[in-house]
Each structure stands twice: as structure tokens, then as C-alpha cells.
Protein backbone atom coordinates (compact mmCIF):
# COMPACT_ATOMS: atom_id res chain seq x y z
CA MET A 1 -17.80 7.57 -16.10
CA ASN A 2 -17.59 10.62 -18.20
CA GLY A 3 -14.43 9.93 -19.96
CA LYS A 4 -12.31 9.36 -16.29
CA HIS A 5 -10.80 6.25 -15.73
CA PHE A 6 -11.73 4.25 -12.53
CA ARG A 7 -8.63 4.44 -9.90
CA PRO A 8 -8.54 2.08 -7.42
CA ASP A 9 -7.93 4.25 -4.28
CA TRP A 10 -4.70 2.79 -2.36
CA HIS A 11 -7.00 0.72 -0.42
CA ASP A 12 -7.32 -1.05 -2.70
CA GLN A 13 -4.35 -1.53 -4.34
CA LEU A 14 -2.85 -2.18 -0.87
CA ARG A 15 -5.37 -5.22 -0.61
CA ILE A 16 -4.12 -5.47 -4.37
CA ALA A 17 -0.36 -6.24 -3.63
CA VAL A 18 -0.83 -8.01 -0.37
CA GLU A 19 -3.06 -10.52 -2.29
CA ARG A 20 -0.47 -10.47 -4.83
CA SER A 21 2.69 -11.13 -2.57
CA GLY A 22 0.81 -14.63 -1.56
CA ARG A 23 2.32 -13.85 1.72
CA PRO A 24 1.33 -14.14 5.06
CA HIS A 25 -0.11 -11.35 6.56
CA ALA A 26 1.93 -12.08 9.74
CA SER A 27 4.74 -12.46 7.84
CA ILE A 28 4.30 -8.85 5.94
CA ALA A 29 3.42 -7.15 9.59
CA SER A 30 6.36 -8.35 10.90
CA ASP A 31 8.64 -7.50 7.91
CA ALA A 32 6.74 -4.13 8.12
CA GLY A 33 7.21 -3.62 11.91
CA ILE A 34 3.76 -3.63 12.93
CA ALA A 35 1.25 -5.82 14.77
CA PRO A 36 -0.70 -8.42 12.72
CA THR A 37 -3.83 -6.49 14.15
CA THR A 38 -2.82 -3.00 12.78
CA LEU A 39 -2.64 -4.43 9.14
CA ALA A 40 -5.20 -6.05 9.53
CA ARG A 41 -7.37 -3.26 10.54
CA ILE A 42 -5.96 -1.01 7.65
CA LEU A 43 -6.62 -3.61 5.33
CA ASN A 44 -10.60 -4.57 6.08
CA VAL A 45 -12.01 -1.11 7.66
CA PRO A 46 -12.64 0.91 5.19
CA HIS A 47 -12.16 4.30 6.45
CA ALA A 48 -8.55 3.69 8.22
CA ASN A 49 -6.43 6.34 8.55
CA PRO A 50 -2.84 5.01 9.32
CA HIS A 51 -0.02 7.37 9.42
CA PHE A 52 1.35 7.82 6.68
CA GLU A 53 4.50 6.20 8.25
CA THR A 54 2.90 2.57 8.50
CA VAL A 55 1.97 2.86 4.85
CA LEU A 56 5.04 3.23 3.59
CA ARG A 57 6.55 0.39 5.93
CA ILE A 58 4.25 -1.85 4.69
CA VAL A 59 4.51 -1.52 0.96
CA THR A 60 8.45 -1.02 1.82
CA ALA A 61 7.96 -4.63 2.90
CA LEU A 62 6.03 -5.77 -0.02
CA GLY A 63 8.29 -4.32 -2.37
CA VAL A 64 6.07 -2.13 -3.83
CA ARG A 65 6.17 1.80 -4.87
CA LEU A 66 4.55 3.97 -3.29
CA GLY A 67 3.72 5.92 -6.23
CA TRP A 68 2.09 2.49 -7.75
CA LEU A 69 0.06 2.60 -4.17
CA VAL A 70 -1.46 6.06 -4.87
CA GLY A 71 -1.25 5.81 -9.31
CA GLU A 72 1.41 7.60 -10.34
CA PRO A 73 2.12 7.02 -13.56
CA ARG A 74 4.74 4.22 -14.64
CA GLY A 75 8.70 6.18 -14.90
CA VAL A 76 7.79 8.95 -13.05
CA GLU A 77 9.95 9.29 -10.12
CA LEU A 78 12.89 11.65 -7.99
CA THR A 79 16.05 12.18 -7.44
CA ASP A 80 17.68 11.70 -4.53
CA ASP A 81 18.24 16.14 -4.63
CA GLU A 82 13.84 16.02 -4.67
């Protein structure tokens, strides 16, 4: 692959996080304050384009860092002032 590392896109990462959580989709959606159908659409429609706030709510409900979702290297974090 020309020296480049494969990195899953954020949709793939989100699906991984949901699967690893072991939680029912309805529970995750409820904690995120979204409809279960919205979560299902985001997870299953290849070109789903949800609002940033919706994605943020889902990762918060899952307890994962937004940076992990987008492939940010571990250890890179912003302070409250940034």
C-alpha cells in the first residue's frame, strides 16, 4: 500500500466501538438522546452524513474518545483552554 497504513474510517471505528460495547443499540441510542433508527442508519448506511453533534453524543454514550474515532494518535489531547 505504498508505505501508508490502512486506517478505518470513522464509520468503521464507530461500528467497532458499538460492537465492543456489547450493549443493545436501543440502549446506546437512548443514552445518546437519539432514536434507535438514527443510530441504525448511521451504522448501516455507507454514506450516512450525520451531524457532528449526533456523532459526539454517540461516542460519549459509548465512553470512547472522539479522537480515537477519527484515528488521532493516542496521547494527543487538548486542554480546556484550547
